[in-house]
Protein backbone atom coordinates (compact mmCIF):
# COMPACT_ATOMS: atom_id res chain seq x y z
CA UNK A 1 -15.29 6.27 11.56
CA UNK A 2 -13.58 6.08 8.19
CA UNK A 3 -12.52 2.57 7.30
CA UNK A 4 -9.92 1.36 4.83
CA UNK A 5 -10.33 -2.06 3.28
CA UNK A 6 -7.56 -3.80 1.37
CA UNK A 7 -8.06 -6.50 -1.21
CA UNK A 8 -6.17 -8.27 -3.96
CA UNK A 9 -3.64 -10.27 -2.01
CA UNK A 10 -3.01 -13.93 -2.56
CA UNK A 11 -0.51 -16.68 -3.23
CA UNK A 12 1.56 -16.24 -6.38
CA UNK A 13 4.71 -17.81 -7.80
CA UNK A 14 7.92 -15.83 -8.01
CA UNK A 15 7.80 -13.57 -11.05
CA UNK A 16 4.05 -13.18 -10.85
CA UNK A 17 1.95 -10.07 -10.39
CA UNK A 18 -0.73 -8.75 -8.08
CA UNK A 19 -2.80 -5.61 -7.89
CA UNK A 20 -3.67 -4.54 -4.38
CA UNK A 21 -6.61 -2.23 -3.76
CA UNK A 22 -7.53 -0.07 -0.80
CA UNK A 23 -10.97 1.50 -0.64
CA UNK A 24 -12.04 4.11 1.88
CA UNK A 25 -15.57 3.87 3.24
CA UNK A 26 -16.38 7.53 2.57
CA UNK A 27 -17.40 8.90 -0.78
CA UNK A 28 -15.01 11.85 -0.86
CA UNK A 29 -11.90 10.83 0.98
CA UNK A 30 -9.28 13.56 1.23
CA UNK A 31 -6.16 12.60 3.17
CA UNK A 32 -2.90 14.38 2.64
CA UNK A 33 -1.44 11.13 1.39
CA UNK A 34 -1.81 7.40 1.38
CA UNK A 35 0.77 4.68 1.62
CA UNK A 36 1.31 0.97 1.45
CA UNK A 37 3.21 -0.71 4.26
CA UNK A 38 4.06 -4.36 4.71
CA UNK A 39 4.91 -6.50 7.68
CA UNK A 40 6.33 -9.99 7.78
CA UNK A 41 6.07 -12.13 10.93
CA UNK A 42 8.59 -11.00 13.54
CA UNK A 43 9.53 -7.96 11.48
CA UNK A 44 8.76 -4.29 11.83
CA UNK A 45 6.22 -2.68 9.58
CA UNK A 46 7.99 -1.03 6.65
CA UNK A 47 6.99 1.48 4.02
CA UNK A 48 6.57 0.14 0.50
CA UNK A 49 5.17 3.06 -1.48
CA UNK A 50 3.50 6.43 -0.96
CA UNK A 51 1.29 8.76 -2.96
CA UNK A 52 0.09 12.29 -2.32
CA UNK A 53 -3.66 12.40 -2.64
CA UNK A 54 -4.18 15.63 -4.53
CA UNK A 55 -1.12 15.81 -6.74
CA UNK A 56 -0.42 12.12 -7.11
CA UNK A 57 3.31 12.42 -6.46
CA UNK A 58 4.73 8.96 -5.92
CA UNK A 59 7.49 7.45 -3.84
CA UNK A 60 8.87 3.94 -3.93
CA UNK A 61 11.23 2.25 -1.55
CA UNK A 62 14.25 0.66 -3.18
CA UNK A 63 12.88 -2.79 -2.43
CA UNK A 64 10.07 -2.36 -4.96
CA UNK A 65 11.29 0.45 -7.20
CA UNK A 66 11.03 -0.37 -10.88
CA UNK A 67 8.55 -3.20 -10.49
CA UNK A 68 5.67 -1.53 -8.65
CA UNK A 69 3.26 1.25 -9.50
CA UNK A 70 1.17 3.10 -6.95
CA UNK A 71 -1.90 5.01 -8.08
CA UNK A 72 -5.14 6.40 -6.77
CA UNK A 73 -8.60 7.20 -8.05
CA UNK A 74 -9.95 10.15 -6.11
CA UNK A 75 -13.47 9.69 -7.47
CA UNK A 76 -13.53 6.15 -6.11
CA UNK A 77 -11.62 6.92 -2.89
CA UNK A 78 -9.37 4.01 -3.81
CA UNK A 79 -5.62 3.45 -3.90
CA UNK A 80 -3.86 0.71 -5.81
CA UNK A 81 -0.50 -0.98 -5.84
CA UNK A 82 0.42 -2.93 -8.95
CA UNK A 83 3.24 -5.31 -8.13
CA UNK A 84 5.13 -7.15 -10.84
CA UNK A 85 8.09 -9.52 -10.83
CA UNK A 86 7.23 -10.58 -7.31
CA UNK A 87 9.93 -12.12 -5.16
CA UNK A 88 9.71 -14.40 -2.11
CA UNK A 89 10.97 -11.51 0.02
CA UNK A 90 7.79 -9.61 -0.88
CA UNK A 91 5.84 -12.05 1.28
CA UNK A 92 4.08 -10.08 4.02
CA UNK A 93 0.80 -8.65 5.11
CA UNK A 94 0.27 -5.46 3.15
CA UNK A 95 -1.48 -2.59 4.90
CA UNK A 96 -3.15 0.45 3.44
CA UNK A 97 -2.73 3.67 5.40
CA UNK A 98 -3.65 7.34 5.25
CA UNK A 99 -1.98 10.39 6.73
CA UNK A 100 -2.97 13.97 7.42
CA UNK A 101 0.68 15.03 7.47
CA UNK A 102 2.40 16.61 4.48
CA UNK A 103 5.39 14.69 3.21
CA UNK A 104 6.70 11.17 2.89
CA UNK A 105 7.27 9.40 6.19
CA UNK A 106 8.66 5.93 6.70
CA UNK A 107 7.46 5.57 10.27
CA UNK A 108 3.99 4.07 10.76
CA UNK A 109 3.26 6.51 13.59
CA UNK A 110 2.80 9.33 11.08
CA UNK A 111 -0.23 7.60 9.58
CA UNK A 112 -3.64 8.03 11.16
CA UNK A 113 -5.75 5.35 9.54
CA UNK A 114 -5.06 1.74 8.68
CA UNK A 115 -6.75 -1.10 6.91
CA UNK A 116 -6.93 -4.64 8.19
CA UNK A 117 -4.26 -5.90 5.82
CA UNK A 118 -4.17 -8.31 2.92
CA UNK A 119 -1.81 -11.27 2.75
CA UNK A 120 0.70 -11.54 -0.07
CA UNK A 121 2.63 -14.79 -0.30
CA UNK A 122 5.21 -15.39 -3.01
CA UNK A 123 6.52 -18.91 -3.46
CA UNK A 124 10.01 -19.64 -4.72
């Protein structure tokens, strides 16, 4: 019913930046939280960053802490991930997700809604 659509991925050199976007298809989206996950081929999906929808509290995994900023615009039902100083190990498909659960969860099973993913490739 509700769809999430990611955009903003691409091929960038190491040290470059990207801003990922995730837009919900409903005008007034109200999940408990949203999160960015990523998945490289042959690897498990892993949490990158998380934001509570109402309060905007943020969480960053150590892999991106200090060089990424998660944000959301409630009026636009859109979440963003600004990624700077990109590294080859950031290469993955990045997925937008939403959860009705309260709290930060690393497991994908706690998230109810997923986008189709956007490819990020960082060359060395």
